[in-house]
Amino acid sequence: SADLKLLEEATISVCKSLVEKNPRTGNLGSLIKVFLARTKELKISAECQNHLFIWQAHNALFIICCLLKVFISRMSEEELQLHFTYEEK
């Protein structure tokens, strides 16, 4: 859709920067780990109507999806694997 195209154009520089720096920083993996750890709290948040937490989880998932789309479309499987095998030195 047109909105998706506008989003991609507006965020391409941020995505390119993350693609370049992520093998050294592990930021994408950290975002995914935090999201997965916090998903256990989503059911409780929904029951308590904690809309702020649900909104934050939704946004984190949206960011992860957008970044993965860029990563998958721009690199090989081997390069992609490097972004998920970050080990702190």
Protein backbone atom coordinates (compact mmCIF):
# COMPACT_ATOMS: atom_id res chain seq x y z
CA SER A 1 0.00 0.00 0.00
CA ALA A 2 0.99 3.63 -0.26
CA ASP A 3 1.32 3.99 3.52
CA LEU A 4 3.78 1.09 3.66
CA LYS A 5 5.86 2.65 0.90
CA LEU A 6 5.95 5.97 2.77
CA LEU A 7 7.01 4.19 5.97
CA GLU A 8 9.83 2.37 4.17
CA GLU A 9 11.08 5.59 2.58
CA ALA A 10 10.97 7.46 5.90
CA THR A 11 12.86 4.78 7.82
CA ILE A 12 15.40 3.54 5.27
CA SER A 13 18.33 5.52 6.71
CA VAL A 14 17.67 4.22 10.23
CA CYS A 15 17.37 0.67 8.93
CA LYS A 16 20.59 0.93 6.93
CA SER A 17 22.40 2.21 10.00
CA LEU A 18 21.09 -0.68 12.08
CA VAL A 19 22.11 -3.19 9.40
CA GLU A 20 25.66 -1.81 9.50
CA LYS A 21 26.01 -1.57 13.29
CA ASN A 22 23.94 -4.51 14.52
CA PRO A 23 26.65 -7.19 14.15
CA ARG A 24 28.75 -5.17 16.65
CA THR A 25 25.93 -4.04 18.95
CA GLY A 26 23.40 -6.87 18.92
CA ASN A 27 20.56 -4.35 19.23
CA LEU A 28 18.05 -6.30 17.13
CA GLY A 29 18.63 -9.48 19.12
CA SER A 30 18.28 -7.54 22.36
CA LEU A 31 14.98 -6.02 21.22
CA ILE A 32 13.65 -9.46 20.33
CA LYS A 33 14.79 -10.95 23.67
CA VAL A 34 13.12 -8.14 25.63
CA PHE A 35 9.93 -8.50 23.61
CA LEU A 36 9.82 -12.27 24.16
CA ALA A 37 10.48 -11.88 27.88
CA ARG A 38 7.69 -9.34 28.22
CA THR A 39 5.12 -11.30 26.21
CA LYS A 40 4.44 -13.40 29.30
CA GLU A 41 2.99 -10.27 30.88
CA LEU A 42 0.63 -9.51 27.98
CA LYS A 43 -2.20 -11.74 29.16
CA ILE A 44 -2.12 -10.17 32.62
CA SER A 45 -1.99 -6.70 31.07
CA ALA A 46 -5.01 -7.47 28.91
CA GLU A 47 -6.95 -8.73 31.90
CA CYS A 48 -6.05 -5.61 33.89
CA GLN A 49 -6.67 -3.39 30.86
CA ASN A 50 -3.13 -2.02 31.00
CA HIS A 51 -3.35 -0.37 27.62
CA LEU A 52 0.07 1.30 27.90
CA PHE A 53 1.90 -2.02 28.20
CA ILE A 54 -0.12 -3.53 25.36
CA TRP A 55 0.59 -0.49 23.20
CA GLN A 56 4.35 -0.76 23.95
CA ALA A 57 4.37 -4.46 23.09
CA HIS A 58 2.47 -3.76 19.85
CA ASN A 59 4.98 -1.07 18.86
CA ALA A 60 7.96 -3.30 19.67
CA LEU A 61 6.51 -6.09 17.51
CA PHE A 62 5.83 -3.63 14.70
CA ILE A 63 9.43 -2.38 14.82
CA ILE A 64 10.77 -5.93 14.82
CA CYS A 65 8.61 -6.81 11.79
CA CYS A 66 9.71 -3.73 9.85
CA LEU A 67 13.38 -4.34 10.59
CA LEU A 68 13.21 -8.02 9.71
CA LYS A 69 11.59 -7.15 6.40
CA VAL A 70 14.52 -4.87 5.57
CA PHE A 71 17.11 -7.38 6.80
CA ILE A 72 15.59 -10.28 4.84
CA SER A 73 15.24 -8.28 1.64
CA ARG A 74 18.78 -6.88 1.72
CA MET A 75 21.05 -9.72 2.80
CA SER A 76 21.87 -13.35 2.30
CA GLU A 77 20.97 -16.06 4.77
CA GLU A 78 24.58 -16.17 6.02
CA GLU A 79 24.64 -12.40 6.61
CA LEU A 80 21.28 -12.57 8.34
CA GLN A 81 22.56 -15.29 10.65
CA LEU A 82 25.37 -12.97 11.81
CA HIS A 83 22.78 -10.55 13.13
CA PHE A 84 21.33 -13.21 15.43
CA THR A 85 24.57 -14.77 16.66
CA TYR A 86 25.95 -11.73 18.44
CA GLU A 87 28.12 -12.60 21.42
CA GLU A 88 29.22 -9.94 23.86
CA LYS A 89 33.00 -9.64 24.04
